[in-house]
Amino acid sequence: KGPVPTLLYGYGGFEVPLLPGYAGVRGRLWLEKGNAYVQACIRG
């Protein structure tokens, strides 16, 4: 409904891609608490 605590993750180097992936720890300790997760596919 409104803004929530949000974790933004990035890398952006060495031709390494950040891809979608299931992370149980992140789900339990972050997402289940109503928080959001953002993964940025930046240049580099």
PDB file of all heavy atoms in Angstrom:
ATOM      1  N   LYS A   1       0.808  -1.230   0.000  1.00  0.00           N
ATOM      2  CA  LYS A   1       0.000   0.000   0.000  1.00  0.00           C
ATOM      3  C   LYS A   1       0.840   1.279   0.000  1.00  0.00           C
ATOM      4  O   LYS A   1       0.404   2.319  -0.441  1.00  0.00           O
ATOM      5  CB  LYS A   1      -0.924   0.009   1.225  1.00  0.00           C
ATOM      6  CG  LYS A   1      -1.982  -1.091   1.214  1.00  0.00           C
ATOM      7  CD  LYS A   1      -3.007  -0.878   0.100  1.00  0.00           C
ATOM      8  CE  LYS A   1      -4.187  -1.818   0.248  1.00  0.00           C
ATOM      9  NZ  LYS A   1      -3.852  -3.214  -0.054  1.00  0.00           N
ATOM     10  N   GLY A   2       2.037   1.204   0.527  1.00  0.00           N
ATOM     11  CA  GLY A   2       2.871   2.399   0.608  1.00  0.00           C
ATOM     12  C   GLY A   2       4.327   2.004   0.701  1.00  0.00           C
ATOM     13  O   GLY A   2       4.670   0.823   0.625  1.00  0.00           O
ATOM     14  N   PRO A   3       5.232   2.970   0.850  1.00  0.00           N
ATOM     15  CA  PRO A   3       6.668   2.659   0.908  1.00  0.00           C
ATOM     16  C   PRO A   3       7.010   1.701   2.055  1.00  0.00           C
ATOM     17  O   PRO A   3       6.438   1.796   3.145  1.00  0.00           O
ATOM     18  CB  PRO A   3       7.311   4.030   1.127  1.00  0.00           C
ATOM     19  CG  PRO A   3       6.295   5.023   0.668  1.00  0.00           C
ATOM     20  CD  PRO A   3       4.970   4.411   0.982  1.00  0.00           C
ATOM     21  N   VAL A   4       7.950   0.792   1.782  1.00  0.00           N
ATOM     22  CA  VAL A   4       8.398  -0.175   2.792  1.00  0.00           C
ATOM     23  C   VAL A   4       9.927  -0.214   2.793  1.00  0.00           C
ATOM     24  O   VAL A   4      10.562   0.229   1.832  1.00  0.00           O
ATOM     25  CB  VAL A   4       7.840  -1.590   2.506  1.00  0.00           C
ATOM     26  CG1 VAL A   4       6.323  -1.623   2.602  1.00  0.00           C
ATOM     27  CG2 VAL A   4       8.319  -2.110   1.150  1.00  0.00           C
ATOM     28  N   PRO A   5      10.542  -0.755   3.849  1.00  0.00           N
ATOM     29  CA  PRO A   5      11.992  -0.970   3.815  1.00  0.00           C
ATOM     30  C   PRO A   5      12.364  -1.815   2.599  1.00  0.00           C
ATOM     31  O   PRO A   5      11.750  -2.861   2.346  1.00  0.00           O
ATOM     32  CB  PRO A   5      12.263  -1.719   5.126  1.00  0.00           C
ATOM     33  CG  PRO A   5      11.168  -1.281   6.039  1.00  0.00           C
ATOM     34  CD  PRO A   5       9.964  -1.136   5.154  1.00  0.00           C
ATOM     35  N   THR A   6      13.339  -1.355   1.842  1.00  0.00           N
ATOM     36  CA  THR A   6      13.677  -1.980   0.560  1.00  0.00           C
ATOM     37  C   THR A   6      15.181  -2.180   0.463  1.00  0.00           C
ATOM     38  O   THR A   6      15.949  -1.235   0.677  1.00  0.00           O
ATOM     39  CB  THR A   6      13.188  -1.097  -0.607  1.00  0.00           C
ATOM     40  OG1 THR A   6      11.759  -1.003  -0.553  1.00  0.00           O
ATOM     41  CG2 THR A   6      13.603  -1.663  -1.945  1.00  0.00           C
ATOM     42  N   LEU A   7      15.588  -3.401   0.150  1.00  0.00           N
ATOM     43  CA  LEU A   7      17.002  -3.712  -0.050  1.00  0.00           C
ATOM     44  C   LEU A   7      17.294  -3.671  -1.542  1.00  0.00           C
ATOM     45  O   LEU A   7      16.697  -4.412  -2.330  1.00  0.00           O
ATOM     46  CB  LEU A   7      17.321  -5.094   0.520  1.00  0.00           C
ATOM     47  CG  LEU A   7      18.721  -5.658   0.202  1.00  0.00           C
ATOM     48  CD1 LEU A   7      19.821  -4.720   0.677  1.00  0.00           C
ATOM     49  CD2 LEU A   7      18.888  -7.042   0.825  1.00  0.00           C
ATOM     50  N   LEU A   8      18.217  -2.794  -1.934  1.00  0.00           N
ATOM     51  CA  LEU A   8      18.644  -2.655  -3.330  1.00  0.00           C
ATOM     52  C   LEU A   8      20.041  -3.241  -3.461  1.00  0.00           C
ATOM     53  O   LEU A   8      20.970  -2.808  -2.781  1.00  0.00           O
ATOM     54  CB  LEU A   8      18.638  -1.169  -3.721  1.00  0.00           C
ATOM     55  CG  LEU A   8      19.317  -0.769  -5.040  1.00  0.00           C
ATOM     56  CD1 LEU A   8      18.706  -1.489  -6.232  1.00  0.00           C
ATOM     57  CD2 LEU A   8      19.253   0.753  -5.221  1.00  0.00           C
ATOM     58  N   TYR A   9      20.171  -4.230  -4.358  1.00  0.00           N
ATOM     59  CA  TYR A   9      21.438  -4.947  -4.519  1.00  0.00           C
ATOM     60  C   TYR A   9      21.989  -4.703  -5.922  1.00  0.00           C
ATOM     61  O   TYR A   9      21.245  -4.673  -6.905  1.00  0.00           O
ATOM     62  CB  TYR A   9      21.222  -6.447  -4.316  1.00  0.00           C
ATOM     63  CG  TYR A   9      22.506  -7.251  -4.283  1.00  0.00           C
ATOM     64  CD1 TYR A   9      23.229  -7.394  -3.095  1.00  0.00           C
ATOM     65  CD2 TYR A   9      23.006  -7.859  -5.435  1.00  0.00           C
ATOM     66  CE1 TYR A   9      24.403  -8.120  -3.059  1.00  0.00           C
ATOM     67  CE2 TYR A   9      24.185  -8.582  -5.402  1.00  0.00           C
ATOM     68  CZ  TYR A   9      24.881  -8.708  -4.222  1.00  0.00           C
ATOM     69  OH  TYR A   9      26.051  -9.421  -4.191  1.00  0.00           O
ATOM     70  N   GLY A  10      23.319  -4.532  -6.016  1.00  0.00           N
ATOM     71  CA  GLY A  10      23.940  -4.323  -7.316  1.00  0.00           C
ATOM     72  C   GLY A  10      25.364  -4.834  -7.365  1.00  0.00           C
ATOM     73  O   GLY A  10      25.989  -5.118  -6.335  1.00  0.00           O
ATOM     74  N   TYR A  11      25.901  -4.947  -8.585  1.00  0.00           N
ATOM     75  CA  TYR A  11      27.294  -5.373  -8.789  1.00  0.00           C
ATOM     76  C   TYR A  11      27.941  -4.530  -9.893  1.00  0.00           C
ATOM     77  O   TYR A  11      28.759  -3.689  -9.634  1.00  0.00           O
ATOM     78  CB  TYR A  11      27.365  -6.866  -9.110  1.00  0.00           C
ATOM     79  CG  TYR A  11      28.792  -7.362  -9.200  1.00  0.00           C
ATOM     80  CD1 TYR A  11      29.534  -7.596  -8.034  1.00  0.00           C
ATOM     81  CD2 TYR A  11      29.410  -7.560 -10.427  1.00  0.00           C
ATOM     82  CE1 TYR A  11      30.857  -8.023  -8.104  1.00  0.00           C
ATOM     83  CE2 TYR A  11      30.728  -7.987 -10.503  1.00  0.00           C
ATOM     84  CZ  TYR A  11      31.444  -8.208  -9.345  1.00  0.00           C
ATOM     85  OH  TYR A  11      32.753  -8.619  -9.410  1.00  0.00           O
ATOM     86  N   GLY A  12      27.620  -4.784 -11.147  1.00  0.00           N
ATOM     87  CA  GLY A  12      28.038  -3.909 -12.236  1.00  0.00           C
ATOM     88  C   GLY A  12      29.512  -3.922 -12.571  1.00  0.00           C
ATOM     89  O   GLY A  12      30.138  -2.867 -12.657  1.00  0.00           O
ATOM     90  N   GLY A  13      30.076  -5.103 -12.825  1.00  0.00           N
ATOM     91  CA  GLY A  13      31.479  -5.169 -13.212  1.00  0.00           C
ATOM     92  C   GLY A  13      31.865  -6.508 -13.792  1.00  0.00           C
ATOM     93  O   GLY A  13      31.156  -7.511 -13.655  1.00  0.00           O
ATOM     94  N   PHE A  14      33.005  -6.532 -14.493  1.00  0.00           N
ATOM     95  CA  PHE A  14      33.679  -7.761 -14.932  1.00  0.00           C
ATOM     96  C   PHE A  14      32.797  -8.677 -15.797  1.00  0.00           C
ATOM     97  O   PHE A  14      33.006  -9.882 -15.828  1.00  0.00           O
ATOM     98  CB  PHE A  14      34.211  -8.533 -13.719  1.00  0.00           C
ATOM     99  CG  PHE A  14      35.295  -7.813 -12.981  1.00  0.00           C
ATOM    100  CD1 PHE A  14      35.004  -6.993 -11.901  1.00  0.00           C
ATOM    101  CD2 PHE A  14      36.621  -7.912 -13.379  1.00  0.00           C
ATOM    102  CE1 PHE A  14      36.004  -6.304 -11.218  1.00  0.00           C
ATOM    103  CE2 PHE A  14      37.629  -7.237 -12.713  1.00  0.00           C
ATOM    104  CZ  PHE A  14      37.324  -6.426 -11.634  1.00  0.00           C
ATOM    105  N   GLU A  15      31.806  -8.115 -16.465  1.00  0.00           N
ATOM    106  CA  GLU A  15      30.896  -8.905 -17.318  1.00  0.00           C
ATOM    107  C   GLU A  15      30.069  -9.907 -16.515  1.00  0.00           C
ATOM    108  O   GLU A  15      29.520 -10.855 -17.070  1.00  0.00           O
ATOM    109  CB  GLU A  15      31.656  -9.671 -18.409  1.00  0.00           C
ATOM    110  CG  GLU A  15      32.079  -8.836 -19.576  1.00  0.00           C
ATOM    111  CD  GLU A  15      32.667  -9.645 -20.717  1.00  0.00           C
ATOM    112  OE1 GLU A  15      33.268 -10.703 -20.478  1.00  0.00           O
ATOM    113  OE2 GLU A  15      32.530  -9.203 -21.859  1.00  0.00           O
ATOM    114  N   VAL A  16      29.957  -9.718 -15.196  1.00  0.00           N
ATOM    115  CA  VAL A  16      29.202 -10.654 -14.354  1.00  0.00           C
ATOM    116  C   VAL A  16      27.732 -10.220 -14.323  1.00  0.00           C
ATOM    117  O   VAL A  16      27.432  -9.101 -13.905  1.00  0.00           O
ATOM    118  CB  VAL A  16      29.771 -10.691 -12.926  1.00  0.00           C
ATOM    119  CG1 VAL A  16      28.906 -11.561 -12.023  1.00  0.00           C
ATOM    120  CG2 VAL A  16      31.206 -11.204 -12.944  1.00  0.00           C
ATOM    121  N   PRO A  17      26.800 -11.094 -14.736  1.00  0.00           N
ATOM    122  CA  PRO A  17      25.388 -10.719 -14.694  1.00  0.00           C
ATOM    123  C   PRO A  17      24.758 -11.014 -13.338  1.00  0.00           C
ATOM    124  O   PRO A  17      25.148 -11.965 -12.657  1.00  0.00           O
ATOM    125  CB  PRO A  17      24.770 -11.614 -15.772  1.00  0.00           C
ATOM    126  CG  PRO A  17      25.608 -12.852 -15.734  1.00  0.00           C
ATOM    127  CD  PRO A  17      27.008 -12.403 -15.382  1.00  0.00           C
ATOM    128  N   LEU A  18      23.801 -10.207 -12.939  1.00  0.00           N
ATOM    129  CA  LEU A  18      22.953 -10.520 -11.786  1.00  0.00           C
ATOM    130  C   LEU A  18      21.643 -11.084 -12.328  1.00  0.00           C
ATOM    131  O   LEU A  18      20.936 -10.405 -13.073  1.00  0.00           O
ATOM    132  CB  LEU A  18      22.680  -9.271 -10.942  1.00  0.00           C
ATOM    133  CG  LEU A  18      23.837  -8.718 -10.117  1.00  0.00           C
ATOM    134  CD1 LEU A  18      23.351  -7.567  -9.239  1.00  0.00           C
ATOM    135  CD2 LEU A  18      24.477  -9.791  -9.250  1.00  0.00           C
ATOM    136  N   LEU A  19      21.327 -12.319 -11.949  1.00  0.00           N
ATOM    137  CA  LEU A  19      20.178 -13.029 -12.504  1.00  0.00           C
ATOM    138  C   LEU A  19      19.152 -13.317 -11.419  1.00  0.00           C
ATOM    139  O   LEU A  19      19.485 -13.369 -10.234  1.00  0.00           O
ATOM    140  CB  LEU A  19      20.655 -14.344 -13.141  1.00  0.00           C
ATOM    141  CG  LEU A  19      21.738 -14.191 -14.211  1.00  0.00           C
ATOM    142  CD1 LEU A  19      22.232 -15.557 -14.657  1.00  0.00           C
ATOM    143  CD2 LEU A  19      21.229 -13.389 -15.387  1.00  0.00           C
ATOM    144  N   PRO A  20      17.901 -13.527 -11.801  1.00  0.00           N
ATOM    145  CA  PRO A  20      16.894 -13.896 -10.798  1.00  0.00           C
ATOM    146  C   PRO A  20      17.275 -15.189 -10.098  1.00  0.00           C
ATOM    147  O   PRO A  20      17.772 -16.125 -10.737  1.00  0.00           O
ATOM    148  CB  PRO A  20      15.619 -14.081 -11.642  1.00  0.00           C
ATOM    149  CG  PRO A  20      15.863 -13.308 -12.895  1.00  0.00           C
ATOM    150  CD  PRO A  20      17.335 -13.411 -13.153  1.00  0.00           C
ATOM    151  N   GLY A  21      17.064 -15.249  -8.800  1.00  0.00           N
ATOM    152  CA  GLY A  21      17.393 -16.460  -8.047  1.00  0.00           C
ATOM    153  C   GLY A  21      16.624 -16.525  -6.741  1.00  0.00           C
ATOM    154  O   GLY A  21      16.329 -15.495  -6.120  1.00  0.00           O
ATOM    155  N   TYR A  22      16.310 -17.740  -6.347  1.00  0.00           N
ATOM    156  CA  TYR A  22      15.564 -17.985  -5.114  1.00  0.00           C
ATOM    157  C   TYR A  22      16.540 -17.985  -3.946  1.00  0.00           C
ATOM    158  O   TYR A  22      17.563 -18.660  -3.979  1.00  0.00           O
ATOM    159  CB  TYR A  22      14.871 -19.333  -5.214  1.00  0.00           C
ATOM    160  CG  TYR A  22      13.906 -19.649  -4.094  1.00  0.00           C
ATOM    161  CD1 TYR A  22      12.592 -19.201  -4.139  1.00  0.00           C
ATOM    162  CD2 TYR A  22      14.293 -20.429  -3.007  1.00  0.00           C
ATOM    163  CE1 TYR A  22      11.683 -19.513  -3.137  1.00  0.00           C
ATOM    164  CE2 TYR A  22      13.398 -20.745  -1.997  1.00  0.00           C
ATOM    165  CZ  TYR A  22      12.096 -20.285  -2.068  1.00  0.00           C
ATOM    166  OH  TYR A  22      11.200 -20.595  -1.075  1.00  0.00           O
ATOM    167  N   ALA A  23      16.243 -17.232  -2.914  1.00  0.00           N
ATOM    168  CA  ALA A  23      17.103 -17.160  -1.731  1.00  0.00           C
ATOM    169  C   ALA A  23      16.229 -17.318  -0.493  1.00  0.00           C
ATOM    170  O   ALA A  23      15.512 -16.389  -0.105  1.00  0.00           O
ATOM    171  CB  ALA A  23      17.866 -15.833  -1.692  1.00  0.00           C
ATOM    172  N   GLY A  24      16.271 -18.499   0.097  1.00  0.00           N
ATOM    173  CA  GLY A  24      15.422 -18.787   1.251  1.00  0.00           C
ATOM    174  C   GLY A  24      15.687 -17.875   2.427  1.00  0.00           C
ATOM    175  O   GLY A  24      14.748 -17.432   3.111  1.00  0.00           O
ATOM    176  N   VAL A  25      16.962 -17.567   2.669  1.00  0.00           N
ATOM    177  CA  VAL A  25      17.303 -16.710   3.808  1.00  0.00           C
ATOM    178  C   VAL A  25      16.729 -15.309   3.598  1.00  0.00           C
ATOM    179  O   VAL A  25      16.134 -14.725   4.513  1.00  0.00           O
ATOM    180  CB  VAL A  25      18.831 -16.653   4.011  1.00  0.00           C
ATOM    181  CG1 VAL A  25      19.191 -15.657   5.106  1.00  0.00           C
ATOM    182  CG2 VAL A  25      19.374 -18.036   4.361  1.00  0.00           C
ATOM    183  N   ARG A  26      16.879 -14.772   2.396  1.00  0.00           N
ATOM    184  CA  ARG A  26      16.316 -13.449   2.105  1.00  0.00           C
ATOM    185  C   ARG A  26      14.794 -13.471   2.243  1.00  0.00           C
ATOM    186  O   ARG A  26      14.186 -12.529   2.766  1.00  0.00           O
ATOM    187  CB  ARG A  26      16.714 -13.026   0.691  1.00  0.00           C
ATOM    188  CG  ARG A  26      16.224 -11.635   0.301  1.00  0.00           C
ATOM    189  CD  ARG A  26      16.783 -11.219  -1.039  1.00  0.00           C
ATOM    190  NE  ARG A  26      16.306 -12.053  -2.126  1.00  0.00           N
ATOM    191  CZ  ARG A  26      17.064 -12.526  -3.109  1.00  0.00           C
ATOM    192  NH1 ARG A  26      18.352 -12.263  -3.136  1.00  0.00           N
ATOM    193  NH2 ARG A  26      16.551 -13.271  -4.067  1.00  0.00           N
ATOM    194  N   GLY A  27      14.176 -14.546   1.786  1.00  0.00           N
ATOM    195  CA  GLY A  27      12.728 -14.655   1.898  1.00  0.00           C
ATOM    196  C   GLY A  27      12.248 -14.639   3.332  1.00  0.00           C
ATOM    197  O   GLY A  27      11.292 -13.934   3.689  1.00  0.00           O
ATOM    198  N   ARG A  28      12.936 -15.415   4.182  1.00  0.00           N
ATOM    199  CA  ARG A  28      12.511 -15.532   5.580  1.00  0.00           C
ATOM    200  C   ARG A  28      12.855 -14.300   6.401  1.00  0.00           C
ATOM    201  O   ARG A  28      12.052 -13.828   7.210  1.00  0.00           O
ATOM    202  CB  ARG A  28      13.166 -16.769   6.213  1.00  0.00           C
ATOM    203  CG  ARG A  28      12.571 -18.072   5.739  1.00  0.00           C
ATOM    204  CD  ARG A  28      11.244 -18.415   6.428  1.00  0.00           C
ATOM    205  NE  ARG A  28      11.464 -18.724   7.834  1.00  0.00           N
ATOM    206  CZ  ARG A  28      11.912 -19.894   8.273  1.00  0.00           C
ATOM    207  NH1 ARG A  28      12.210 -20.864   7.408  1.00  0.00           N
ATOM    208  NH2 ARG A  28      12.076 -20.116   9.564  1.00  0.00           N
ATOM    209  N   LEU A  29      14.062 -13.776   6.219  1.00  0.00           N
ATOM    210  CA  LEU A  29      14.531 -12.693   7.089  1.00  0.00           C
ATOM    211  C   LEU A  29      14.185 -11.306   6.553  1.00  0.00           C
ATOM    212  O   LEU A  29      14.342 -10.321   7.277  1.00  0.00           O
ATOM    213  CB  LEU A  29      16.048 -12.796   7.295  1.00  0.00           C
ATOM    214  CG  LEU A  29      16.549 -14.076   7.982  1.00  0.00           C
ATOM    215  CD1 LEU A  29      18.043 -13.972   8.246  1.00  0.00           C
ATOM    216  CD2 LEU A  29      15.792 -14.350   9.278  1.00  0.00           C
ATOM    217  N   TRP A  30      13.698 -11.226   5.328  1.00  0.00           N
ATOM    218  CA  TRP A  30      13.430  -9.902   4.761  1.00  0.00           C
ATOM    219  C   TRP A  30      12.032  -9.813   4.130  1.00  0.00           C
ATOM    220  O   TRP A  30      11.206  -9.013   4.545  1.00  0.00           O
ATOM    221  CB  TRP A  30      14.507  -9.555   3.730  1.00  0.00           C
ATOM    222  CG  TRP A  30      14.476  -8.139   3.271  1.00  0.00           C
ATOM    223  CD1 TRP A  30      14.142  -7.669   2.034  1.00  0.00           C
ATOM    224  CD2 TRP A  30      14.768  -6.972   4.054  1.00  0.00           C
ATOM    225  NE1 TRP A  30      14.220  -6.303   1.989  1.00  0.00           N
ATOM    226  CE2 TRP A  30      14.607  -5.838   3.222  1.00  0.00           C
ATOM    227  CE3 TRP A  30      15.165  -6.776   5.380  1.00  0.00           C
ATOM    228  CZ2 TRP A  30      14.817  -4.537   3.669  1.00  0.00           C
ATOM    229  CZ3 TRP A  30      15.374  -5.476   5.832  1.00  0.00           C
ATOM    230  CH2 TRP A  30      15.203  -4.381   4.986  1.00  0.00           C
ATOM    231  N   LEU A  31      11.763 -10.653   3.144  1.00  0.00           N
ATOM    232  CA  LEU A  31      10.506 -10.525   2.406  1.00  0.00           C
ATOM    233  C   LEU A  31       9.288 -10.877   3.255  1.00  0.00           C
ATOM    234  O   LEU A  31       8.241 -10.224   3.147  1.00  0.00           O
ATOM    235  CB  LEU A  31      10.544 -11.407   1.153  1.00  0.00           C
ATOM    236  CG  LEU A  31      11.592 -11.015   0.099  1.00  0.00           C
ATOM    237  CD1 LEU A  31      11.652 -12.066  -0.995  1.00  0.00           C
ATOM    238  CD2 LEU A  31      11.281  -9.643  -0.489  1.00  0.00           C
ATOM    239  N   GLU A  32       9.400 -11.892   4.111  1.00  0.00           N
ATOM    240  CA  GLU A  32       8.256 -12.282   4.944  1.00  0.00           C
ATOM    241  C   GLU A  32       7.878 -11.204   5.958  1.00  0.00           C
ATOM    242  O   GLU A  32       6.773 -11.216   6.495  1.00  0.00           O
ATOM    243  CB  GLU A  32       8.529 -13.612   5.659  1.00  0.00           C
ATOM    244  CG  GLU A  32       8.263 -14.830   4.792  1.00  0.00           C
ATOM    245  CD  GLU A  32       8.214 -16.115   5.597  1.00  0.00           C
ATOM    246  OE1 GLU A  32       8.592 -16.096   6.795  1.00  0.00           O
ATOM    247  OE2 GLU A  32       7.799 -17.141   5.029  1.00  0.00           O
ATOM    248  N   LYS A  33       8.791 -10.276   6.194  1.00  0.00           N
ATOM    249  CA  LYS A  33       8.505  -9.176   7.123  1.00  0.00           C
ATOM    250  C   LYS A  33       7.783  -8.018   6.417  1.00  0.00           C
ATOM    251  O   LYS A  33       7.592  -6.954   7.008  1.00  0.00           O
ATOM    252  CB  LYS A  33       9.804  -8.687   7.766  1.00  0.00           C
ATOM    253  CG  LYS A  33      10.436  -9.684   8.731  1.00  0.00           C
ATOM    254  CD  LYS A  33      11.748  -9.153   9.279  1.00  0.00           C
ATOM    255  CE  LYS A  33      12.242  -9.934  10.493  1.00  0.00           C
ATOM    256  NZ  LYS A  33      12.449 -11.349  10.246  1.00  0.00           N
ATOM    257  N   GLY A  34       7.418  -8.219   5.159  1.00  0.00           N
ATOM    258  CA  GLY A  34       6.728  -7.169   4.411  1.00  0.00           C
ATOM    259  C   GLY A  34       7.656  -6.232   3.679  1.00  0.00           C
ATOM    260  O   GLY A  34       7.208  -5.232   3.094  1.00  0.00           O
ATOM    261  N   ASN A  35       8.954  -6.515   3.678  1.00  0.00           N
ATOM    262  CA  ASN A  35       9.929  -5.667   3.009  1.00  0.00           C
ATOM    263  C   ASN A  35      10.024  -6.010   1.522  1.00  0.00           C
ATOM    264  O   ASN A  35       9.530  -7.048   1.071  1.00  0.00           O
ATOM    265  CB  ASN A  35      11.301  -5.828   3.666  1.00  0.00           C
ATOM    266  CG  ASN A  35      11.274  -5.530   5.154  1.00  0.00           C
ATOM    267  OD1 ASN A  35      10.587  -4.604   5.583  1.00  0.00           O
ATOM    268  ND2 ASN A  35      12.007  -6.305   5.939  1.00  0.00           N
ATOM    269  N   ALA A  36      10.702  -5.162   0.765  1.00  0.00           N
ATOM    270  CA  ALA A  36      10.888  -5.370  -0.674  1.00  0.00           C
ATOM    271  C   ALA A  36      12.363  -5.604  -0.993  1.00  0.00           C
ATOM    272  O   ALA A  36      13.256  -5.172  -0.253  1.00  0.00           O
ATOM    273  CB  ALA A  36      10.364  -4.169  -1.450  1.00  0.00           C
ATOM    274  N   TYR A  37      12.592  -6.283  -2.119  1.00  0.00           N
ATOM    275  CA  TYR A  37      13.956  -6.531  -2.601  1.00  0.00           C
ATOM    276  C   TYR A  37      14.046  -6.067  -4.048  1.00  0.00           C
ATOM    277  O   TYR A  37      13.169  -6.358  -4.868  1.00  0.00           O
ATOM    278  CB  TYR A  37      14.296  -8.015  -2.516  1.00  0.00           C
ATOM    279  CG  TYR A  37      15.631  -8.369  -3.132  1.00  0.00           C
ATOM    280  CD1 TYR A  37      16.819  -8.018  -2.497  1.00  0.00           C
ATOM    281  CD2 TYR A  37      15.703  -9.040  -4.349  1.00  0.00           C
ATOM    282  CE1 TYR A  37      18.047  -8.326  -3.061  1.00  0.00           C
ATOM    283  CE2 TYR A  37      16.924  -9.359  -4.924  1.00  0.00           C
ATOM    284  CZ  TYR A  37      18.096  -9.000  -4.278  1.00  0.00           C
ATOM    285  OH  TYR A  37      19.307  -9.304  -4.836  1.00  0.00           O
ATOM    286  N   VAL A  38      15.120  -5.334  -4.367  1.00  0.00           N
ATOM    287  CA  VAL A  38      15.337  -4.825  -5.720  1.00  0.00           C
ATOM    288  C   VAL A  38      16.725  -5.261  -6.190  1.00  0.00           C
ATOM    289  O   VAL A  38      17.706  -5.147  -5.451  1.00  0.00           O
ATOM    290  CB  VAL A  38      15.238  -3.283  -5.756  1.00  0.00           C
ATOM    291  CG1 VAL A  38      15.561  -2.756  -7.154  1.00  0.00           C
ATOM    292  CG2 VAL A  38      13.853  -2.825  -5.326  1.00  0.00           C
ATOM    293  N   GLN A  39      16.799  -5.757  -7.427  1.00  0.00           N
ATOM    294  CA  GLN A  39      18.069  -6.189  -8.005  1.00  0.00           C
ATOM    295  C   GLN A  39      18.293  -5.418  -9.302  1.00  0.00           C
ATOM    296  O   GLN A  39      17.498  -5.503 -10.231  1.00  0.00           O
ATOM    297  CB  GLN A  39      18.030  -7.697  -8.280  1.00  0.00           C
ATOM    298  CG  GLN A  39      19.368  -8.301  -8.664  1.00  0.00           C
ATOM    299  CD  GLN A  39      19.349  -9.807  -8.523  1.00  0.00           C
ATOM    300  OE1 GLN A  39      19.329 -10.339  -7.412  1.00  0.00           O
ATOM    301  NE2 GLN A  39      19.334 -10.511  -9.630  1.00  0.00           N
ATOM    302  N   ALA A  40      19.378  -4.646  -9.337  1.00  0.00           N
ATOM    303  CA  ALA A  40      19.629  -3.731 -10.452  1.00  0.00           C
ATOM    304  C   ALA A  40      20.598  -4.350 -11.452  1.00  0.00           C
ATOM    305  O   ALA A  40      21.664  -4.845 -11.073  1.00  0.00           O
ATOM    306  CB  ALA A  40      20.201  -2.418  -9.918  1.00  0.00           C
ATOM    307  N   CYS A  41      20.243  -4.306 -12.739  1.00  0.00           N
ATOM    308  CA  CYS A  41      21.079  -4.858 -13.812  1.00  0.00           C
ATOM    309  C   CYS A  41      21.851  -3.723 -14.481  1.00  0.00           C
ATOM    310  O   CYS A  41      21.617  -3.381 -15.646  1.00  0.00           O
ATOM    311  CB  CYS A  41      20.217  -5.605 -14.820  1.00  0.00           C
ATOM    312  SG  CYS A  41      19.214  -6.922 -14.098  1.00  0.00           S
ATOM    313  N   ILE A  42      22.773  -3.122 -13.747  1.00  0.00           N
ATOM    314  CA  ILE A  42      23.458  -1.917 -14.209  1.00  0.00           C
ATOM    315  C   ILE A  42      24.584  -2.245 -15.181  1.00  0.00           C
ATOM    316  O   ILE A  42      25.056  -3.381 -15.255  1.00  0.00           O
ATOM    317  CB  ILE A  42      23.985  -1.098 -13.022  1.00  0.00           C
ATOM    318  CG1 ILE A  42      25.052  -1.886 -12.255  1.00  0.00           C
ATOM    319  CG2 ILE A  42      22.851  -0.682 -12.093  1.00  0.00           C
ATOM    320  CD1 ILE A  42      25.695  -1.119 -11.112  1.00  0.00           C
ATOM    321  N   ARG A  43      25.014  -1.231 -15.919  1.00  0.00           N
ATOM    322  CA  ARG A  43      26.122  -1.419 -16.861  1.00  0.00           C
ATOM    323  C   ARG A  43      27.413  -1.766 -16.112  1.00  0.00           C
ATOM    324  O   ARG A  43      27.591  -1.418 -14.958  1.00  0.00           O
ATOM    325  CB  ARG A  43      26.289  -0.163 -17.711  1.00  0.00           C
ATOM    326  CG  ARG A  43      25.217  -0.036 -18.786  1.00  0.00           C
ATOM    327  CD  ARG A  43      25.301   1.275 -19.529  1.00  0.00           C
ATOM    328  NE  ARG A  43      24.870   2.407 -18.705  1.00  0.00           N
ATOM    329  CZ  ARG A  43      24.822   3.667 -19.131  1.00  0.00           C
ATOM    330  NH1 ARG A  43      25.209   3.959 -20.361  1.00  0.00           N
ATOM    331  NH2 ARG A  43      24.406   4.628 -18.328  1.00  0.00           N
ATOM    332  N   GLY A  44      28.286  -2.447 -16.830  1.00  0.00           N
ATOM    333  CA  GLY A  44      29.486  -3.012 -16.215  1.00  0.00           C
ATOM    334  C   GLY A  44      29.324  -4.501 -15.999  1.00  0.00           C
ATOM    335  O   GLY A  44      30.293  -5.256 -15.997  1.00  0.00           O
TER     336      GLY A  44
END
